[in-house]
């Protein structure tokens, strides 16, 4: 039995944080599913890398342009949604076997509308209907504009993956938006039982930012991200065990699972499986870069003490941070803004690449 299977038995759903035509066509994606992968996530950076570094999309791109599709965003959606649909088909047996609890693939709204609620709702709704698959999630960023979009889309019955989550305060708003969307459906006697959602809490970037503000020898270096994520897990447990949630659960609502994102270790001095081993808990998702997944399957330990919903050690660590002059809320607020900027930069790169390819393929 592999270490990935051990991780699954500890209650963690293993998703892969990559998607590309090459991964699908080579058979590597199905082999990952055979090894225990039960979901996949994508984002503008992932698709920028896939499309710019491969010629696997060129034939389809040329056919689209030859058929009269010229708008760059339409071209991108046509390419990317084919990959998402294919991945969803491969994962459909997982979705069916788990009664809709797992087996999802996520596709993100374009980052240029991250601060526009109405545009986010319109685009997410359109993508959801284009894909028309029960095991797809549309990713919406946890910006202030995204919060209202999450409620509206949940009320419409869309599966939402909330992305770019860093701050506990924002996570509380995300949970509230999900519950409010479900309550709106319940008030109209609409079904709740098929709606799935995950809240993607980004991990490693928090350490990168916090370490820059800590003294070189500080014992807090390399611990802040895990502390932040564990506090998020405790908030999830608190909010989704209260009376408000129990009323919705009684009507068939599904838990909005915490998802650990950005779990590849960026500091070479830290364990390459740090953000997998230290965030084991029943009912969570960990979406890993391929290198992190392979590292865990090689030497990871799934027997690490799981995250405790009542452990006060994280509160003490938070006090230590304040004593060291580190303002975690300021850090996480900055990371949200920088995350949108980074995805926007990748999206611009992607748009530029598609334009260059179309000029080359269809003079």
Protein backbone atom coordinates (compact mmCIF):
# COMPACT_ATOMS: atom_id res chain seq x y z
CA UNK A 1 0.00 0.00 0.00
CA UNK A 2 1.47 3.37 -1.01
CA UNK A 3 1.89 6.36 1.25
CA UNK A 4 -0.76 8.15 -0.79
CA UNK A 5 -3.25 5.46 0.21
CA UNK A 6 -2.17 5.91 3.83
CA UNK A 7 -2.94 9.62 3.48
CA UNK A 8 -6.36 8.79 2.09
CA UNK A 9 -7.09 6.48 5.01
CA UNK A 10 -6.27 9.41 7.31
CA UNK A 11 -9.20 11.24 5.69
CA UNK A 12 -7.39 13.48 3.18
CA UNK A 13 -8.60 13.77 -0.42
CA UNK A 14 -5.60 13.98 -2.72
CA UNK A 15 -5.97 16.33 -5.67
CA UNK A 16 -3.33 17.28 -8.21
CA UNK A 17 -2.61 20.97 -8.78
CA UNK A 18 -1.97 20.81 -12.51
CA UNK A 19 -3.81 20.14 -15.74
CA UNK A 20 -2.69 20.03 -19.35
CA UNK A 21 -3.44 18.35 -22.66
CA UNK A 22 -0.15 16.46 -22.43
CA UNK A 23 -1.01 15.11 -18.98
CA UNK A 24 -4.37 13.87 -20.27
CA UNK A 25 -3.26 12.50 -23.63
CA UNK A 26 -0.21 10.66 -22.25
CA UNK A 27 -2.29 8.59 -19.86
CA UNK A 28 -0.44 10.06 -16.88
CA UNK A 29 -3.65 11.55 -15.49
CA UNK A 30 -5.43 8.21 -15.38
CA UNK A 31 -2.36 6.62 -13.79
CA UNK A 32 -2.48 9.28 -11.06
CA UNK A 33 -6.13 8.40 -10.45
CA UNK A 34 -5.14 4.75 -10.15
CA UNK A 35 -2.60 5.79 -7.47
CA UNK A 36 -5.19 7.62 -5.39
CA UNK A 37 -5.68 11.08 -6.92
CA UNK A 38 -9.36 12.02 -6.67
CA UNK A 39 -9.45 15.54 -8.09
CA UNK A 40 -7.62 18.26 -9.99
CA UNK A 41 -7.27 22.03 -9.84
CA UNK A 42 -6.17 24.55 -12.44
CA UNK A 43 -5.53 28.29 -12.54
CA UNK A 44 -4.30 30.89 -15.05
CA UNK A 45 -0.66 30.15 -14.23
CA UNK A 46 -1.14 26.43 -14.85
CA UNK A 47 -2.85 26.97 -18.21
CA UNK A 48 -0.34 29.63 -19.24
CA UNK A 49 2.43 27.10 -18.71
CA UNK A 50 0.53 24.31 -20.45
CA UNK A 51 -0.38 26.27 -23.57
CA UNK A 52 2.83 28.29 -23.97
CA UNK A 53 5.19 25.34 -23.47
CA UNK A 54 3.40 22.79 -25.65
CA UNK A 55 2.27 22.40 -29.25
CA UNK A 56 -0.52 20.02 -28.20
CA UNK A 57 -3.09 22.80 -28.56
CA UNK A 58 -1.94 24.09 -31.93
CA UNK A 59 -4.14 21.95 -34.18
CA UNK A 60 -7.30 22.80 -32.22
CA UNK A 61 -6.33 26.46 -32.07
CA UNK A 62 -5.84 26.61 -35.84
CA UNK A 63 -9.21 24.90 -36.43
CA UNK A 64 -10.96 27.34 -34.11
CA UNK A 65 -9.50 30.38 -35.86
CA UNK A 66 -10.20 28.87 -39.27
CA UNK A 67 -13.80 28.37 -38.11
CA UNK A 68 -14.17 32.05 -37.29
CA UNK A 69 -13.31 32.21 -33.57
CA UNK A 70 -11.02 35.19 -33.19
CA UNK A 71 -11.61 36.64 -29.71
CA UNK A 72 -8.69 35.59 -27.49
CA UNK A 73 -10.76 34.78 -24.39
CA UNK A 74 -13.08 32.59 -26.44
CA UNK A 75 -10.08 30.74 -27.84
CA UNK A 76 -8.66 30.22 -24.35
CA UNK A 77 -11.97 28.94 -22.99
CA UNK A 78 -12.35 26.55 -25.92
CA UNK A 79 -8.91 25.06 -25.30
CA UNK A 80 -9.08 24.96 -21.52
CA UNK A 81 -12.67 23.75 -21.18
CA UNK A 82 -11.88 20.76 -23.38
CA UNK A 83 -9.16 19.80 -20.89
CA UNK A 84 -11.46 20.37 -17.92
CA UNK A 85 -14.23 18.30 -19.51
CA UNK A 86 -11.85 15.45 -20.31
CA UNK A 87 -10.46 15.47 -16.76
CA UNK A 88 -14.00 15.47 -15.37
CA UNK A 89 -14.83 12.42 -17.49
CA UNK A 90 -11.79 10.57 -16.14
CA UNK A 91 -12.78 11.51 -12.58
CA UNK A 92 -16.48 10.70 -12.99
CA UNK A 93 -16.11 7.14 -11.61
CA UNK A 94 -14.65 8.67 -8.41
CA UNK A 95 -17.57 11.11 -8.22
CA UNK A 96 -20.10 8.30 -8.66
CA UNK A 97 -18.34 5.94 -6.24
CA UNK A 98 -18.23 8.59 -3.50
CA UNK A 99 -21.82 9.72 -4.07
CA UNK A 100 -20.69 13.15 -5.25
CA UNK A 101 -18.30 13.82 -2.38
CA UNK A 102 -15.12 13.71 -4.48
CA UNK A 103 -13.88 13.46 -8.05
CA UNK A 104 -13.94 17.15 -8.99
CA UNK A 105 -11.93 19.27 -11.39
CA UNK A 106 -11.83 23.07 -11.00
CA UNK A 107 -11.62 25.86 -13.57
CA UNK A 108 -11.01 29.48 -12.59
CA UNK A 109 -12.73 32.67 -13.66
CA UNK A 110 -10.32 34.99 -15.44
CA UNK A 111 -8.43 37.22 -12.97
CA UNK A 112 -9.21 40.45 -14.81
CA UNK A 113 -12.69 40.41 -13.22
CA UNK A 114 -11.58 39.51 -9.67
CA UNK A 115 -12.90 42.82 -8.30
CA UNK A 116 -16.15 42.87 -10.27
CA UNK A 117 -19.02 40.94 -8.67
CA UNK A 118 -21.46 41.07 -11.56
CA UNK A 119 -18.84 40.11 -14.16
CA UNK A 120 -17.70 37.21 -11.97
CA UNK A 121 -21.24 35.92 -11.57
CA UNK A 122 -21.92 36.25 -15.31
CA UNK A 123 -18.71 34.49 -16.36
CA UNK A 124 -18.93 31.73 -13.72
CA UNK A 125 -22.56 31.05 -14.63
CA UNK A 126 -21.65 30.85 -18.32
CA UNK A 127 -18.70 28.51 -17.67
CA UNK A 128 -20.83 26.30 -15.42
CA UNK A 129 -23.47 25.96 -18.14
CA UNK A 130 -20.93 25.40 -20.89
CA UNK A 131 -19.34 22.53 -19.00
CA UNK A 132 -22.67 21.19 -17.70
CA UNK A 133 -20.98 18.49 -15.62
CA UNK A 134 -21.80 17.68 -11.98
CA UNK A 135 -18.17 17.09 -10.99
CA UNK A 136 -16.83 20.47 -12.10
CA UNK A 137 -16.19 23.42 -9.80
CA UNK A 138 -15.82 27.04 -10.87
CA UNK A 139 -13.09 28.88 -8.99
CA UNK A 140 -13.98 32.31 -7.63
CA UNK A 141 -11.37 34.41 -5.78
CA UNK A 142 -12.03 35.37 -2.17
CA UNK A 143 -11.84 39.09 -2.84
CA UNK A 144 -14.43 41.43 -1.38
CA UNK A 145 -16.25 41.31 -4.73
CA UNK A 146 -15.95 37.54 -4.79
CA UNK A 147 -17.85 37.12 -1.52
CA UNK A 148 -21.12 38.38 -3.01
CA UNK A 149 -20.50 36.29 -6.13
CA UNK A 150 -20.05 33.15 -4.00
CA UNK A 151 -23.44 33.64 -2.36
CA UNK A 152 -25.23 34.34 -5.64
CA UNK A 153 -23.64 31.42 -7.49
CA UNK A 154 -24.30 29.01 -4.63
CA UNK A 155 -27.92 30.14 -4.62
CA UNK A 156 -28.03 29.32 -8.34
CA UNK A 157 -26.68 25.81 -7.66
CA UNK A 158 -23.12 26.22 -8.95
CA UNK A 159 -20.29 24.20 -7.42
CA UNK A 160 -17.75 26.77 -6.21
CA UNK A 161 -14.07 26.43 -5.36
CA UNK A 162 -13.18 29.58 -3.44
CA UNK A 163 -9.58 30.42 -4.25
CA UNK A 164 -6.86 32.80 -3.04
CA UNK A 165 -7.87 32.48 0.60
CA UNK A 166 -5.27 33.61 3.11
CA UNK A 167 -6.95 35.44 6.00
CA UNK A 168 -9.17 33.97 8.72
CA UNK A 169 -11.42 37.04 8.62
CA UNK A 170 -12.01 36.54 4.90
CA UNK A 171 -12.56 32.80 5.40
CA UNK A 172 -15.32 33.59 7.90
CA UNK A 173 -16.98 35.73 5.20
CA UNK A 174 -16.60 32.89 2.68
CA UNK A 175 -18.33 30.39 4.96
CA UNK A 176 -21.11 32.90 5.59
CA UNK A 177 -21.58 33.47 1.84
CA UNK A 178 -21.83 29.71 1.22
CA UNK A 179 -24.39 29.25 3.98
CA UNK A 180 -26.39 32.28 2.83
CA UNK A 181 -26.51 30.91 -0.71
CA UNK A 182 -27.77 27.56 0.57
CA UNK A 183 -30.38 29.28 2.74
CA UNK A 184 -31.69 31.18 -0.28
CA UNK A 185 -32.13 27.89 -2.11
CA UNK A 186 -33.81 26.28 0.88
CA UNK A 187 -36.27 29.19 1.10
CA UNK A 188 -37.31 28.42 -2.48
CA UNK A 189 -37.54 24.65 -1.84
CA UNK A 190 -34.66 24.04 -4.24
CA UNK A 191 -32.41 20.99 -3.68
CA UNK A 192 -29.21 21.35 -1.68
CA UNK A 193 -27.89 17.81 -1.80
CA UNK A 194 -25.90 17.99 -5.05
CA UNK A 195 -24.07 21.29 -4.41
CA UNK A 196 -20.39 20.91 -3.59
CA UNK A 197 -17.88 23.54 -2.49
CA UNK A 198 -14.32 23.78 -1.24
CA UNK A 199 -12.52 26.72 0.35
CA UNK A 200 -8.93 26.83 -0.91
CA UNK A 201 -6.65 28.14 1.81
CA UNK A 202 -3.21 28.99 0.40
CA UNK A 203 -0.37 27.80 2.59
CA UNK A 204 3.28 28.10 1.54
CA UNK A 205 3.07 31.72 0.40
CA UNK A 206 2.26 32.71 3.99
CA UNK A 207 5.61 31.34 5.20
CA UNK A 208 7.47 33.04 2.36
CA UNK A 209 5.99 36.40 3.35
CA UNK A 210 6.26 35.92 7.13
CA UNK A 211 9.84 34.62 7.01
CA UNK A 212 10.93 37.88 5.39
CA UNK A 213 9.80 39.70 8.54
CA UNK A 214 11.26 37.27 11.09
CA UNK A 215 14.81 37.24 12.38
CA UNK A 216 17.03 34.61 10.70
CA UNK A 217 17.19 32.49 13.82
CA UNK A 218 13.55 32.85 14.87
CA UNK A 219 11.89 29.56 15.85
CA UNK A 220 8.74 30.86 14.16
CA UNK A 221 10.28 30.65 10.69
CA UNK A 222 8.58 27.92 8.67
CA UNK A 223 5.68 27.61 11.14
CA UNK A 224 3.38 30.54 10.38
CA UNK A 225 1.66 29.00 7.36
CA UNK A 226 0.77 25.80 9.21
CA UNK A 227 -0.48 27.79 12.21
CA UNK A 228 -2.66 29.92 9.92
CA UNK A 229 -4.09 26.87 8.14
CA UNK A 230 -4.78 25.04 11.40
CA UNK A 231 -6.67 28.04 12.71
CA UNK A 232 -8.68 27.99 9.48
CA UNK A 233 -9.53 24.34 10.09
CA UNK A 234 -10.70 25.15 13.58
CA UNK A 235 -12.85 28.00 12.25
CA UNK A 236 -14.37 25.60 9.72
CA UNK A 237 -15.19 23.13 12.48
CA UNK A 238 -16.76 25.86 14.60
CA UNK A 239 -18.91 27.32 11.82
CA UNK A 240 -20.01 24.03 10.31
CA UNK A 241 -21.11 22.41 13.55
CA UNK A 242 -23.37 25.22 14.78
CA UNK A 243 -27.18 25.36 14.69
CA UNK A 244 -27.28 27.31 11.42
CA UNK A 245 -25.32 24.60 9.61
CA UNK A 246 -27.24 21.76 11.24
CA UNK A 247 -30.51 23.15 9.85
CA UNK A 248 -29.03 23.15 6.35
CA UNK A 249 -27.44 19.72 6.77
CA UNK A 250 -30.83 18.34 7.79
CA UNK A 251 -32.09 19.50 4.37
CA UNK A 252 -29.29 17.67 2.58
CA UNK A 253 -26.57 20.35 2.37
CA UNK A 254 -22.98 19.21 1.93
CA UNK A 255 -20.02 20.45 3.94
CA UNK A 256 -17.82 23.08 2.33
CA UNK A 257 -14.50 21.29 2.72
CA UNK A 258 -11.25 23.09 3.54
CA UNK A 259 -8.70 22.66 0.76
CA UNK A 260 -4.99 23.23 1.28
CA UNK A 261 -3.54 24.92 -1.81
CA UNK A 262 -0.03 26.11 -2.62
CA UNK A 263 1.36 23.13 -0.71
CA UNK A 264 4.63 22.85 -2.58
CA UNK A 265 7.49 23.85 -0.27
CA UNK A 266 9.23 26.95 -1.60
CA UNK A 267 12.07 27.14 0.95
CA UNK A 268 14.66 24.40 0.23
CA UNK A 269 15.61 24.32 3.91
CA UNK A 270 12.16 23.02 4.87
CA UNK A 271 10.81 19.53 4.34
CA UNK A 272 9.42 19.04 0.86
CA UNK A 273 6.31 17.44 2.39
CA UNK A 274 5.88 19.95 5.24
CA UNK A 275 2.49 21.24 4.09
CA UNK A 276 1.12 17.75 3.62
CA UNK A 277 2.30 16.08 6.81
CA UNK A 278 1.43 18.97 9.11
CA UNK A 279 -2.09 19.50 7.75
CA UNK A 280 -3.58 16.02 7.92
CA UNK A 281 -7.19 16.05 9.06
CA UNK A 282 -10.30 14.06 8.19
CA UNK A 283 -12.44 15.70 5.52
CA UNK A 284 -9.85 18.06 4.05
CA UNK A 285 -8.47 18.24 0.52
CA UNK A 286 -4.80 18.76 -0.30
CA UNK A 287 -4.12 19.79 -3.90
CA UNK A 288 -0.44 19.15 -4.58
CA UNK A 289 1.98 20.02 -7.33
CA UNK A 290 3.16 16.84 -9.00
CA UNK A 291 6.62 17.09 -7.38
CA UNK A 292 5.08 17.31 -3.90
CA UNK A 293 2.82 14.34 -4.57
CA UNK A 294 5.77 12.24 -5.71
CA UNK A 295 7.84 13.34 -2.72
CA UNK A 296 5.11 12.33 -0.29
CA UNK A 297 4.62 8.98 -1.99
CA UNK A 298 8.36 8.43 -1.65
CA UNK A 299 8.98 9.45 1.97
CA UNK A 300 5.91 11.12 3.45
CA UNK A 301 4.47 10.16 6.83
CA UNK A 302 0.69 9.91 7.07
CA UNK A 303 0.85 9.04 10.76
CA UNK A 304 1.57 12.60 11.89
CA UNK A 305 -0.81 13.78 14.62
CA UNK A 306 -3.88 15.17 12.82
CA UNK A 307 -4.96 18.77 13.23
CA UNK A 308 -6.84 19.19 16.52
CA UNK A 309 -9.99 21.32 16.50
CA UNK A 310 -9.48 22.35 20.13
CA UNK A 311 -5.68 22.71 20.32
CA UNK A 312 -4.68 26.06 21.86
CA UNK A 313 -1.06 25.81 20.71
CA UNK A 314 -1.87 27.75 17.55
CA UNK A 315 -3.27 30.63 19.60
CA UNK A 316 -0.02 30.75 21.55
CA UNK A 317 1.94 30.80 18.29
CA UNK A 318 -0.22 33.69 17.11
CA UNK A 319 0.67 35.60 20.29
CA UNK A 320 4.35 34.86 19.65
CA UNK A 321 3.99 36.32 16.18
CA UNK A 322 2.58 39.55 17.53
CA UNK A 323 5.40 39.71 20.05
CA UNK A 324 7.88 39.34 17.17
CA UNK A 325 6.24 42.29 15.41
CA UNK A 326 4.60 40.24 12.66
CA UNK A 327 1.08 41.33 11.71
CA UNK A 328 -0.49 38.24 10.16
CA UNK A 329 -3.62 40.06 9.02
CA UNK A 330 -1.53 42.61 7.15
CA UNK A 331 0.47 39.79 5.55
CA UNK A 332 -2.59 37.84 4.44
CA UNK A 333 -4.27 40.96 3.06
CA UNK A 334 -1.17 41.67 0.98
CA UNK A 335 -1.04 38.07 -0.22
CA UNK A 336 -4.63 38.23 -1.50
CA UNK A 337 -3.78 41.30 -3.58
CA UNK A 338 -0.50 39.80 -4.81
CA UNK A 339 -2.24 36.53 -5.68
CA UNK A 340 -4.68 38.33 -7.96
CA UNK A 341 -1.80 40.28 -9.50
CA UNK A 342 0.21 37.10 -10.12
CA UNK A 343 -2.71 35.33 -11.80
CA UNK A 344 -3.42 38.47 -13.84
CA UNK A 345 0.17 38.49 -15.05
CA UNK A 346 -0.09 34.82 -16.04
CA UNK A 347 -3.36 35.48 -17.84
CA UNK A 348 -1.79 38.34 -19.81
CA UNK A 349 1.08 36.01 -20.75
CA UNK A 350 -1.46 33.42 -21.84
CA UNK A 351 -3.39 35.92 -23.97
CA UNK A 352 -0.18 37.07 -25.61
CA UNK A 353 0.86 33.49 -26.35
CA UNK A 354 -2.49 32.64 -27.95
CA UNK A 355 -2.31 35.75 -30.14
CA UNK A 356 1.21 34.85 -31.29
CA UNK A 357 0.22 31.26 -31.96
CA UNK A 358 -2.83 32.25 -33.99
CA UNK A 359 -0.76 34.60 -36.16
CA UNK A 360 1.76 31.81 -36.73
CA UNK A 361 -0.75 29.03 -37.34
CA UNK A 362 -3.25 31.02 -39.43
CA UNK A 363 -1.41 33.84 -41.23
